[in-house]
């Protein structure tokens, strides 16, 4: 998503997590994103991250506003980290989840993935099944 609010009938999509919420909402009920500043000129990019929470490792995309670092997102006042295109990495096969909102207190470590990382086969499921 590009940060703009997409309106569908009496609902609109949150520019951060993509969930449908009431058109009159000021804050997304799913990811708690403040919609009062949401407009078509919000700039940023989707960034792929990988992190461990509990016994599980996840990989997915987060929206990173312009002039913001991943560490700023992790340390801001929000309690949840919202991922889209989320995948749970398992030893034999990655499991697509789609949307994931995870309590930041559960995160043990986090890493930023780059395009170069995507070409490296470093996970057993990718070695067995190719691109999962």
N, C-alpha and C. Protein backbone atom coordinates (compact mmCIF):
# COMPACT_ATOMS: atom_id res chain seq x y z
N UNK A 1 0.84 -1.18 0.00
CA UNK A 1 0.00 0.00 0.00
C UNK A 1 0.88 1.24 0.00
N UNK A 2 0.33 2.32 -0.46
CA UNK A 2 1.09 3.55 -0.58
C UNK A 2 0.79 4.53 0.52
N UNK A 3 -0.02 4.19 1.49
CA UNK A 3 -0.32 5.10 2.58
C UNK A 3 -1.60 5.87 2.38
N UNK A 4 -2.31 5.62 1.30
CA UNK A 4 -3.56 6.33 1.07
C UNK A 4 -4.73 5.52 1.59
N UNK A 5 -5.80 6.23 1.95
CA UNK A 5 -6.99 5.57 2.45
C UNK A 5 -7.89 5.25 1.27
N UNK A 6 -8.20 3.97 1.08
CA UNK A 6 -9.07 3.53 -0.01
C UNK A 6 -10.46 3.35 0.58
N UNK A 7 -11.47 4.03 -0.01
CA UNK A 7 -12.82 3.96 0.52
C UNK A 7 -13.67 3.00 -0.31
N UNK A 8 -14.42 2.14 0.40
CA UNK A 8 -15.27 1.14 -0.24
C UNK A 8 -16.63 1.23 0.44
N UNK A 9 -17.62 1.87 -0.20
CA UNK A 9 -18.95 2.02 0.37
C UNK A 9 -18.90 2.78 1.68
N UNK A 10 -19.45 2.20 2.75
CA UNK A 10 -19.42 2.85 4.06
C UNK A 10 -18.18 2.45 4.85
N UNK A 11 -17.24 1.78 4.20
CA UNK A 11 -15.99 1.34 4.83
C UNK A 11 -14.80 1.93 4.09
N UNK A 12 -13.65 1.89 4.73
CA UNK A 12 -12.39 2.28 4.11
C UNK A 12 -11.33 1.31 4.56
N UNK A 13 -10.24 1.23 3.81
CA UNK A 13 -9.14 0.36 4.18
C UNK A 13 -8.10 1.17 4.93
N UNK A 14 -7.57 0.59 6.00
CA UNK A 14 -6.49 1.22 6.73
C UNK A 14 -5.25 1.26 5.83
N UNK A 15 -4.58 2.42 5.72
CA UNK A 15 -3.41 2.50 4.86
C UNK A 15 -2.21 1.72 5.39
N UNK A 16 -2.25 1.33 6.66
CA UNK A 16 -1.12 0.61 7.23
C UNK A 16 -1.30 -0.90 7.15
N UNK A 17 -2.46 -1.40 7.62
CA UNK A 17 -2.64 -2.85 7.67
C UNK A 17 -3.60 -3.38 6.60
N UNK A 18 -4.38 -2.51 5.96
CA UNK A 18 -5.26 -2.93 4.88
C UNK A 18 -6.59 -3.49 5.32
N UNK A 19 -6.86 -3.54 6.61
CA UNK A 19 -8.13 -4.05 7.10
C UNK A 19 -9.24 -3.03 6.84
N UNK A 20 -10.45 -3.53 6.60
CA UNK A 20 -11.60 -2.64 6.36
C UNK A 20 -12.16 -2.17 7.70
N UNK A 21 -12.33 -0.85 7.79
CA UNK A 21 -12.84 -0.23 9.01
C UNK A 21 -13.91 0.79 8.63
N UNK A 22 -14.65 1.30 9.61
CA UNK A 22 -15.70 2.28 9.33
C UNK A 22 -15.09 3.55 8.75
N UNK A 23 -15.84 4.17 7.85
CA UNK A 23 -15.37 5.38 7.18
C UNK A 23 -15.11 6.51 8.19
N UNK A 24 -15.89 6.56 9.28
CA UNK A 24 -15.75 7.63 10.27
C UNK A 24 -14.63 7.38 11.28
N UNK A 25 -13.97 6.23 11.21
CA UNK A 25 -12.94 5.88 12.19
C UNK A 25 -11.76 6.86 12.13
N UNK A 26 -11.28 7.23 13.31
CA UNK A 26 -10.11 8.08 13.42
C UNK A 26 -8.84 7.27 13.69
N UNK A 27 -9.04 6.06 14.24
CA UNK A 27 -7.94 5.15 14.54
C UNK A 27 -8.35 3.75 14.10
N UNK A 28 -7.45 3.04 13.45
CA UNK A 28 -7.74 1.67 13.00
C UNK A 28 -7.92 0.76 14.21
N UNK A 29 -8.99 0.01 14.23
CA UNK A 29 -9.26 -0.87 15.37
C UNK A 29 -8.37 -2.10 15.38
N UNK A 30 -7.69 -2.38 14.30
CA UNK A 30 -6.82 -3.55 14.22
C UNK A 30 -5.37 -3.22 14.59
N UNK A 31 -4.80 -2.20 13.97
CA UNK A 31 -3.38 -1.89 14.21
C UNK A 31 -3.18 -0.59 14.98
N UNK A 32 -4.27 0.12 15.30
CA UNK A 32 -4.23 1.37 16.07
C UNK A 32 -3.50 2.50 15.35
N UNK A 33 -3.47 2.43 14.02
CA UNK A 33 -2.86 3.50 13.22
C UNK A 33 -3.75 4.74 13.27
N UNK A 34 -3.16 5.90 13.53
CA UNK A 34 -3.90 7.15 13.60
C UNK A 34 -4.23 7.60 12.17
N UNK A 35 -5.51 7.62 11.82
CA UNK A 35 -5.96 7.92 10.46
C UNK A 35 -6.19 9.41 10.22
N UNK A 36 -6.09 10.22 11.25
CA UNK A 36 -6.35 11.66 11.08
C UNK A 36 -5.34 12.29 10.13
N UNK A 37 -4.12 11.78 10.08
CA UNK A 37 -3.11 12.33 9.19
C UNK A 37 -3.00 11.58 7.88
N UNK A 38 -3.83 10.57 7.68
CA UNK A 38 -3.75 9.75 6.47
C UNK A 38 -4.23 10.53 5.26
N UNK A 39 -3.41 10.60 4.26
CA UNK A 39 -3.79 11.26 3.02
C UNK A 39 -2.95 10.69 1.89
N UNK A 40 -3.23 11.11 0.68
CA UNK A 40 -2.52 10.56 -0.47
C UNK A 40 -1.06 10.99 -0.53
N UNK A 41 -0.68 12.02 0.25
CA UNK A 41 0.70 12.47 0.19
C UNK A 41 1.59 11.82 1.26
N UNK A 42 1.05 10.89 2.06
CA UNK A 42 1.89 10.15 3.00
C UNK A 42 2.87 9.32 2.19
N UNK A 43 4.15 9.42 2.52
CA UNK A 43 5.16 8.73 1.75
C UNK A 43 5.88 7.73 2.64
N UNK A 44 6.37 6.71 2.03
CA UNK A 44 7.10 5.68 2.73
C UNK A 44 7.29 4.50 1.79
N UNK A 45 7.68 3.38 2.37
CA UNK A 45 7.90 2.19 1.55
C UNK A 45 7.65 0.96 2.39
N UNK A 46 7.41 -0.14 1.69
CA UNK A 46 7.26 -1.43 2.34
C UNK A 46 8.66 -2.02 2.51
N UNK A 47 8.95 -2.51 3.71
CA UNK A 47 10.26 -3.07 4.02
C UNK A 47 10.07 -4.49 4.54
N UNK A 48 10.87 -5.41 4.06
CA UNK A 48 10.79 -6.81 4.49
C UNK A 48 11.66 -6.99 5.74
N UNK A 49 11.05 -7.58 6.78
CA UNK A 49 11.78 -7.87 8.00
C UNK A 49 11.61 -9.34 8.36
N UNK A 50 12.46 -9.81 9.24
CA UNK A 50 12.40 -11.18 9.76
C UNK A 50 12.63 -11.06 11.26
N UNK A 51 11.83 -11.78 12.05
CA UNK A 51 12.00 -11.69 13.50
C UNK A 51 11.57 -12.97 14.19
N UNK A 52 12.04 -13.12 15.44
CA UNK A 52 11.68 -14.27 16.25
C UNK A 52 10.80 -13.79 17.38
N UNK A 53 9.68 -14.49 17.57
CA UNK A 53 8.76 -14.21 18.67
C UNK A 53 8.39 -15.54 19.30
N UNK A 54 8.79 -15.73 20.54
CA UNK A 54 8.56 -17.01 21.19
C UNK A 54 9.40 -18.07 20.51
N UNK A 55 8.77 -19.16 20.09
CA UNK A 55 9.47 -20.25 19.42
C UNK A 55 9.37 -20.15 17.90
N UNK A 56 8.74 -19.11 17.39
CA UNK A 56 8.49 -19.01 15.95
C UNK A 56 9.29 -17.88 15.31
N UNK A 57 9.61 -18.06 14.03
CA UNK A 57 10.30 -17.05 13.24
C UNK A 57 9.36 -16.64 12.12
N UNK A 58 9.20 -15.33 11.95
CA UNK A 58 8.30 -14.78 10.93
C UNK A 58 9.09 -13.89 9.98
N UNK A 59 8.57 -13.79 8.78
CA UNK A 59 9.11 -12.89 7.77
C UNK A 59 7.92 -12.19 7.13
N UNK A 60 8.04 -10.90 6.84
CA UNK A 60 6.94 -10.18 6.22
C UNK A 60 7.30 -8.74 5.94
N UNK A 61 6.33 -7.98 5.47
CA UNK A 61 6.54 -6.58 5.10
C UNK A 61 5.86 -5.66 6.10
N UNK A 62 6.55 -4.56 6.44
CA UNK A 62 5.95 -3.50 7.24
C UNK A 62 6.02 -2.21 6.44
N UNK A 63 5.07 -1.31 6.69
CA UNK A 63 5.12 -0.01 6.05
C UNK A 63 6.01 0.89 6.89
N UNK A 64 7.03 1.45 6.27
CA UNK A 64 7.98 2.32 6.94
C UNK A 64 7.79 3.73 6.39
N UNK A 65 7.22 4.65 7.20
CA UNK A 65 7.04 6.03 6.72
C UNK A 65 8.38 6.66 6.35
N UNK A 66 8.32 7.64 5.47
CA UNK A 66 9.53 8.33 5.02
C UNK A 66 10.28 8.90 6.22
N UNK A 67 11.60 8.84 6.17
CA UNK A 67 12.49 9.34 7.22
C UNK A 67 12.31 8.62 8.55
N UNK A 68 11.93 7.35 8.50
CA UNK A 68 11.78 6.53 9.69
C UNK A 68 12.61 5.27 9.53
N UNK A 69 13.22 4.82 10.62
CA UNK A 69 14.00 3.58 10.61
C UNK A 69 13.17 2.46 11.21
N UNK A 70 13.55 1.23 10.93
CA UNK A 70 12.86 0.08 11.50
C UNK A 70 12.93 0.14 13.02
N UNK A 71 14.07 0.55 13.56
CA UNK A 71 14.20 0.64 15.02
C UNK A 71 13.23 1.67 15.60
N UNK A 72 12.92 2.73 14.84
CA UNK A 72 11.93 3.71 15.30
C UNK A 72 10.55 3.07 15.40
N UNK A 73 10.22 2.21 14.43
CA UNK A 73 8.92 1.53 14.44
C UNK A 73 8.84 0.56 15.62
N UNK A 74 9.92 -0.13 15.90
CA UNK A 74 9.93 -1.10 16.98
C UNK A 74 9.82 -0.40 18.34
N UNK A 75 10.41 0.78 18.46
CA UNK A 75 10.47 1.47 19.75
C UNK A 75 9.44 2.58 19.91
N UNK A 76 8.49 2.73 18.98
CA UNK A 76 7.47 3.77 19.14
C UNK A 76 6.47 3.34 20.21
N UNK A 77 5.48 4.15 20.48
CA UNK A 77 4.52 3.89 21.55
C UNK A 77 3.49 2.81 21.26
N UNK A 78 3.42 2.35 20.04
CA UNK A 78 2.43 1.31 19.71
C UNK A 78 2.84 -0.03 20.28
N UNK A 79 1.85 -0.82 20.68
CA UNK A 79 2.13 -2.11 21.30
C UNK A 79 2.30 -3.23 20.29
N UNK A 80 1.82 -3.02 19.06
CA UNK A 80 1.84 -4.10 18.08
C UNK A 80 2.67 -3.74 16.86
N UNK A 81 3.30 -4.74 16.29
CA UNK A 81 4.00 -4.63 15.02
C UNK A 81 3.12 -5.30 13.98
N UNK A 82 2.80 -4.59 12.92
CA UNK A 82 1.86 -5.09 11.92
C UNK A 82 2.62 -5.51 10.66
N UNK A 83 2.44 -6.77 10.26
CA UNK A 83 3.07 -7.30 9.06
C UNK A 83 2.01 -7.68 8.04
N UNK A 84 2.31 -7.45 6.78
CA UNK A 84 1.50 -7.97 5.69
C UNK A 84 2.40 -8.93 4.91
N UNK A 85 1.79 -9.80 4.14
CA UNK A 85 2.53 -10.85 3.42
C UNK A 85 3.38 -11.67 4.38
N UNK A 86 2.86 -11.88 5.59
CA UNK A 86 3.61 -12.58 6.63
C UNK A 86 3.70 -14.07 6.34
N UNK A 87 4.84 -14.65 6.71
CA UNK A 87 5.11 -16.07 6.54
C UNK A 87 5.75 -16.58 7.83
N UNK A 88 5.25 -17.69 8.34
CA UNK A 88 5.90 -18.35 9.47
C UNK A 88 6.90 -19.34 8.91
N UNK A 89 8.16 -19.17 9.28
CA UNK A 89 9.21 -20.06 8.79
C UNK A 89 9.25 -21.31 9.65
N UNK A 90 9.18 -22.45 9.00
CA UNK A 90 9.26 -23.73 9.68
C UNK A 90 10.39 -24.55 9.07
N UNK A 91 10.80 -25.59 9.75
CA UNK A 91 11.94 -26.39 9.30
C UNK A 91 11.69 -27.07 7.97
N UNK A 92 10.45 -27.49 7.70
CA UNK A 92 10.18 -28.22 6.47
C UNK A 92 9.50 -27.39 5.40
N UNK A 93 8.63 -26.47 5.80
CA UNK A 93 7.90 -25.69 4.82
C UNK A 93 7.39 -24.41 5.45
N UNK A 94 7.57 -23.28 4.77
CA UNK A 94 7.06 -22.00 5.26
C UNK A 94 5.54 -21.98 5.14
N UNK A 95 4.87 -21.37 6.11
CA UNK A 95 3.42 -21.32 6.14
C UNK A 95 2.97 -19.87 5.93
N UNK A 96 2.29 -19.57 4.81
CA UNK A 96 1.82 -18.20 4.59
C UNK A 96 0.72 -17.86 5.58
N UNK A 97 0.81 -16.68 6.18
CA UNK A 97 -0.17 -16.21 7.15
C UNK A 97 -0.96 -15.06 6.58
N UNK A 98 -0.31 -14.18 5.84
CA UNK A 98 -0.97 -13.00 5.28
C UNK A 98 -0.78 -11.80 6.18
N UNK A 99 -1.77 -11.52 7.03
CA UNK A 99 -1.74 -10.37 7.95
C UNK A 99 -1.39 -10.87 9.34
N UNK A 100 -0.49 -10.16 10.03
CA UNK A 100 -0.10 -10.53 11.38
C UNK A 100 0.13 -9.28 12.20
N UNK A 101 -0.53 -9.17 13.32
CA UNK A 101 -0.28 -8.11 14.30
C UNK A 101 0.25 -8.78 15.54
N UNK A 102 1.50 -8.49 15.90
CA UNK A 102 2.15 -9.19 16.99
C UNK A 102 2.57 -8.20 18.07
N UNK A 103 2.35 -8.57 19.33
CA UNK A 103 2.74 -7.73 20.45
C UNK A 103 4.26 -7.58 20.44
N UNK A 104 4.75 -6.35 20.46
CA UNK A 104 6.19 -6.10 20.38
C UNK A 104 6.96 -6.68 21.55
N UNK A 105 6.29 -6.86 22.70
CA UNK A 105 6.96 -7.41 23.88
C UNK A 105 7.39 -8.86 23.64
N UNK A 106 6.79 -9.53 22.67
CA UNK A 106 7.13 -10.93 22.38
C UNK A 106 8.34 -11.09 21.47
N UNK A 107 8.78 -10.01 20.84
CA UNK A 107 9.86 -10.10 19.86
C UNK A 107 11.20 -10.24 20.56
N UNK A 108 11.95 -11.29 20.19
CA UNK A 108 13.27 -11.53 20.76
C UNK A 108 14.38 -10.86 19.94
N UNK A 109 14.29 -10.97 18.61
CA UNK A 109 15.23 -10.30 17.72
C UNK A 109 14.53 -9.96 16.42
N UNK A 110 15.12 -9.00 15.71
CA UNK A 110 14.53 -8.55 14.44
C UNK A 110 15.66 -8.20 13.49
N UNK A 111 15.47 -8.50 12.20
CA UNK A 111 16.48 -8.14 11.20
C UNK A 111 15.80 -7.60 9.96
N UNK A 112 16.46 -6.68 9.31
CA UNK A 112 15.99 -6.09 8.07
C UNK A 112 16.48 -6.94 6.92
N UNK A 113 15.58 -7.33 6.01
CA UNK A 113 15.95 -8.12 4.85
C UNK A 113 16.18 -7.19 3.66
N UNK A 114 17.14 -7.51 2.83
CA UNK A 114 17.43 -6.72 1.64
C UNK A 114 17.20 -7.59 0.41
N UNK A 115 17.26 -6.99 -0.76
CA UNK A 115 17.08 -7.73 -2.00
C UNK A 115 18.15 -8.81 -2.14
N UNK A 116 19.37 -8.53 -1.67
CA UNK A 116 20.44 -9.51 -1.75
C UNK A 116 20.13 -10.73 -0.87
N UNK A 117 19.47 -10.49 0.28
CA UNK A 117 19.10 -11.59 1.17
C UNK A 117 18.11 -12.54 0.51
N UNK A 118 17.23 -11.99 -0.32
CA UNK A 118 16.20 -12.80 -0.95
C UNK A 118 16.78 -13.82 -1.93
N UNK A 119 17.93 -13.51 -2.50
CA UNK A 119 18.51 -14.43 -3.48
C UNK A 119 19.32 -15.54 -2.82
N UNK A 120 19.62 -15.41 -1.53
CA UNK A 120 20.41 -16.41 -0.82
C UNK A 120 19.48 -17.48 -0.27
N UNK A 121 19.78 -18.73 -0.53
CA UNK A 121 18.99 -19.83 0.00
C UNK A 121 19.56 -20.17 1.37
N UNK A 122 18.91 -19.66 2.43
CA UNK A 122 19.44 -19.86 3.77
C UNK A 122 18.46 -20.54 4.70
N UNK A 123 17.33 -20.94 4.20
CA UNK A 123 16.33 -21.56 5.04
C UNK A 123 16.03 -22.96 4.50
N UNK A 124 15.94 -23.97 5.38
CA UNK A 124 15.73 -25.34 4.90
C UNK A 124 14.54 -25.51 3.97
N UNK A 125 13.44 -24.80 4.23
CA UNK A 125 12.27 -24.93 3.37
C UNK A 125 12.56 -24.43 1.96
N UNK A 126 13.36 -23.40 1.85
CA UNK A 126 13.70 -22.87 0.53
C UNK A 126 14.66 -23.83 -0.19
N UNK A 127 15.49 -24.52 0.56
CA UNK A 127 16.40 -25.47 -0.06
C UNK A 127 15.65 -26.69 -0.59
N UNK A 128 14.59 -27.10 0.11
CA UNK A 128 13.83 -28.26 -0.31
C UNK A 128 12.83 -27.91 -1.40
N UNK A 129 12.07 -26.84 -1.19
CA UNK A 129 10.96 -26.51 -2.07
C UNK A 129 11.26 -25.36 -3.04
N UNK A 130 12.44 -24.80 -3.01
CA UNK A 130 12.73 -23.63 -3.84
C UNK A 130 12.12 -22.40 -3.23
N UNK A 131 11.59 -21.53 -4.03
CA UNK A 131 10.97 -20.29 -3.53
C UNK A 131 9.62 -20.63 -2.93
N UNK A 132 9.49 -20.46 -1.62
CA UNK A 132 8.25 -20.81 -0.90
C UNK A 132 7.46 -19.58 -0.64
